[in-house]
C-alpha cells in the first residue's frame, strides 16, 4: 500500500474517524521500536605480555 492510497482512504473517513486515525499515528511516533543510541563497548584491559602472546600465537605462527 502506498502513501497516496492511505491518504485517499484518510480523506474518505468521517471527521470522527480521522481524529481516531491521527491519535493512532501519533501514538506510533511516540514508541520507538529500536534503540538507535550507540552503545559503548567495555574496554579490554591487557598487558604488553598478553599482546605479545596473542601476536605470536595468531599472527606470527609458524607455517607447516
N, C-alpha and C. Protein backbone atom coordinates (compact mmCIF):
# COMPACT_ATOMS: atom_id res chain seq x y z
N UNK A 1 0.86 -1.17 0.00
CA UNK A 1 0.00 0.00 0.00
C UNK A 1 0.90 1.24 0.00
N UNK A 2 0.59 2.18 -0.84
CA UNK A 2 1.41 3.38 -0.93
C UNK A 2 0.84 4.48 -0.03
N UNK A 3 1.66 5.50 0.16
CA UNK A 3 1.23 6.64 0.97
C UNK A 3 0.05 7.36 0.33
N UNK A 4 0.04 7.40 -0.99
CA UNK A 4 -1.07 8.07 -1.68
C UNK A 4 -2.39 7.34 -1.43
N UNK A 5 -2.35 6.02 -1.42
CA UNK A 5 -3.55 5.23 -1.16
C UNK A 5 -4.05 5.48 0.26
N UNK A 6 -3.13 5.51 1.20
CA UNK A 6 -3.50 5.76 2.59
C UNK A 6 -4.11 7.15 2.72
N UNK A 7 -3.54 8.12 2.04
CA UNK A 7 -4.07 9.48 2.11
C UNK A 7 -5.48 9.55 1.53
N UNK A 8 -5.72 8.87 0.42
CA UNK A 8 -7.06 8.87 -0.18
C UNK A 8 -8.08 8.22 0.76
N UNK A 9 -7.67 7.15 1.42
CA UNK A 9 -8.57 6.49 2.38
C UNK A 9 -8.82 7.42 3.56
N UNK A 10 -7.78 8.11 4.01
CA UNK A 10 -7.92 9.06 5.11
C UNK A 10 -8.94 10.15 4.77
N UNK A 11 -8.87 10.66 3.55
CA UNK A 11 -9.82 11.70 3.14
C UNK A 11 -11.25 11.17 3.07
N UNK A 12 -11.41 9.88 2.83
CA UNK A 12 -12.74 9.29 2.74
C UNK A 12 -13.36 9.02 4.11
N UNK A 13 -12.57 9.11 5.16
CA UNK A 13 -13.08 8.84 6.51
C UNK A 13 -13.96 9.99 7.01
N UNK A 14 -14.81 9.66 7.95
CA UNK A 14 -15.60 10.70 8.60
C UNK A 14 -14.68 11.50 9.54
N UNK A 15 -15.09 12.70 9.92
CA UNK A 15 -14.23 13.52 10.79
C UNK A 15 -13.88 12.81 12.12
N UNK A 16 -14.82 12.05 12.68
CA UNK A 16 -14.54 11.34 13.93
C UNK A 16 -13.46 10.27 13.71
N UNK A 17 -13.59 9.55 12.60
CA UNK A 17 -12.62 8.50 12.29
C UNK A 17 -11.25 9.09 11.95
N UNK A 18 -11.23 10.28 11.36
CA UNK A 18 -9.96 10.95 11.08
C UNK A 18 -9.23 11.27 12.37
N UNK A 19 -9.98 11.75 13.36
CA UNK A 19 -9.37 12.07 14.66
C UNK A 19 -8.80 10.81 15.31
N UNK A 20 -9.53 9.71 15.24
CA UNK A 20 -9.04 8.44 15.79
C UNK A 20 -7.76 8.01 15.07
N UNK A 21 -7.75 8.16 13.75
CA UNK A 21 -6.58 7.79 12.96
C UNK A 21 -5.37 8.62 13.36
N UNK A 22 -5.57 9.92 13.53
CA UNK A 22 -4.48 10.82 13.92
C UNK A 22 -3.93 10.42 15.28
N UNK A 23 -4.81 10.08 16.21
CA UNK A 23 -4.37 9.65 17.54
C UNK A 23 -3.54 8.38 17.43
N UNK A 24 -3.96 7.44 16.60
CA UNK A 24 -3.21 6.19 16.42
C UNK A 24 -1.83 6.44 15.81
N UNK A 25 -1.77 7.32 14.82
CA UNK A 25 -0.49 7.61 14.17
C UNK A 25 0.45 8.31 15.14
N UNK A 26 -0.04 9.26 15.90
CA UNK A 26 0.80 9.96 16.88
C UNK A 26 1.26 9.00 17.96
N UNK A 27 0.43 8.03 18.32
CA UNK A 27 0.82 7.04 19.32
C UNK A 27 1.97 6.18 18.83
N UNK A 28 2.01 5.89 17.54
CA UNK A 28 3.10 5.10 16.98
C UNK A 28 4.40 5.90 16.96
N UNK A 29 4.33 7.19 16.76
CA UNK A 29 5.52 8.02 16.72
C UNK A 29 6.20 8.08 18.07
N UNK A 30 5.44 7.97 19.15
CA UNK A 30 5.99 8.10 20.48
C UNK A 30 6.68 6.83 20.97
N UNK A 31 6.48 5.72 20.29
CA UNK A 31 7.04 4.45 20.73
C UNK A 31 8.09 3.97 19.74
N UNK A 32 9.35 4.34 19.96
CA UNK A 32 10.37 3.83 19.04
C UNK A 32 10.57 2.33 19.25
N UNK A 33 10.68 1.61 18.15
CA UNK A 33 10.83 0.17 18.24
C UNK A 33 12.27 -0.23 18.51
N UNK A 34 13.20 0.61 18.09
CA UNK A 34 14.61 0.27 18.22
C UNK A 34 15.33 1.38 18.95
N UNK A 35 16.36 0.99 19.66
CA UNK A 35 17.20 1.96 20.36
C UNK A 35 18.38 2.27 19.44
N UNK A 36 18.39 3.46 18.86
CA UNK A 36 19.42 3.81 17.90
C UNK A 36 20.65 4.45 18.55
N UNK A 37 20.61 4.59 19.86
CA UNK A 37 21.77 5.18 20.52
C UNK A 37 22.94 4.21 20.44
N UNK A 38 24.10 4.77 20.26
CA UNK A 38 25.30 3.95 20.15
C UNK A 38 25.69 3.45 21.54
N UNK A 39 25.87 2.16 21.64
CA UNK A 39 26.28 1.58 22.92
C UNK A 39 27.79 1.46 22.93
N UNK A 40 28.38 1.94 24.00
CA UNK A 40 29.82 1.88 24.12
C UNK A 40 30.22 0.49 24.63
N UNK A 41 31.21 -0.05 24.00
CA UNK A 41 31.71 -1.35 24.44
C UNK A 41 32.72 -1.14 25.56
N UNK A 42 32.82 -2.14 26.40
CA UNK A 42 33.76 -2.05 27.51
C UNK A 42 35.18 -2.21 26.97
N UNK A 43 36.09 -1.44 27.51
CA UNK A 43 37.47 -1.53 27.08
C UNK A 43 38.10 -2.76 27.71
N UNK A 44 38.86 -3.46 26.90
CA UNK A 44 39.54 -4.65 27.37
C UNK A 44 40.91 -4.24 27.89
N UNK A 45 41.19 -4.67 29.10
CA UNK A 45 42.49 -4.34 29.68
C UNK A 45 43.40 -5.56 29.52
N UNK A 46 44.54 -5.34 28.91
CA UNK A 46 45.51 -6.41 28.78
C UNK A 46 46.91 -5.81 28.88
N UNK A 47 47.84 -6.66 29.22
CA UNK A 47 49.21 -6.20 29.41
C UNK A 47 49.98 -6.34 28.11
N UNK A 48 51.19 -5.83 28.13
CA UNK A 48 52.06 -5.92 26.97
C UNK A 48 52.40 -7.39 26.69
N UNK A 49 52.57 -8.16 27.75
CA UNK A 49 52.88 -9.59 27.60
C UNK A 49 51.70 -10.32 26.94
N UNK A 50 50.48 -9.95 27.33
CA UNK A 50 49.29 -10.56 26.72
C UNK A 50 49.26 -10.26 25.22
N UNK A 51 49.59 -9.05 24.85
CA UNK A 51 49.59 -8.65 23.44
C UNK A 51 50.65 -9.41 22.67
N UNK A 52 51.83 -9.57 23.25
CA UNK A 52 52.90 -10.30 22.58
C UNK A 52 52.52 -11.76 22.40
N UNK A 53 51.94 -12.37 23.43
CA UNK A 53 51.50 -13.77 23.33
C UNK A 53 50.44 -13.93 22.24
N UNK A 54 49.52 -13.01 22.17
CA UNK A 54 48.47 -13.08 21.15
C UNK A 54 49.06 -12.97 19.75
N UNK A 55 49.95 -12.01 19.56
CA UNK A 55 50.57 -11.83 18.25
C UNK A 55 51.38 -13.06 17.84
N UNK A 56 52.13 -13.62 18.78
CA UNK A 56 52.92 -14.81 18.46
C UNK A 56 52.02 -16.00 18.14
N UNK A 57 50.90 -16.11 18.82
CA UNK A 57 50.01 -17.25 18.62
C UNK A 57 49.18 -17.13 17.35
N UNK A 58 48.85 -15.91 16.94
CA UNK A 58 47.93 -15.76 15.80
C UNK A 58 48.61 -15.22 14.55
N UNK A 59 49.36 -14.17 14.67
CA UNK A 59 49.93 -13.51 13.50
C UNK A 59 51.24 -14.17 13.06
N UNK A 60 52.11 -14.42 14.02
CA UNK A 60 53.44 -14.93 13.69
C UNK A 60 53.56 -16.43 13.93
N UNK A 61 52.47 -17.15 13.73
CA UNK A 61 52.52 -18.60 13.92
C UNK A 61 53.28 -19.24 12.76
N UNK A 62 54.03 -20.28 13.08
CA UNK A 62 54.81 -20.93 12.00
C UNK A 62 53.91 -21.66 11.02
N UNK A 63 54.30 -21.62 9.77
CA UNK A 63 53.53 -22.30 8.72
C UNK A 63 54.18 -23.65 8.47
N UNK A 64 53.37 -24.67 8.44
CA UNK A 64 53.89 -26.03 8.22
C UNK A 64 53.60 -26.49 6.83
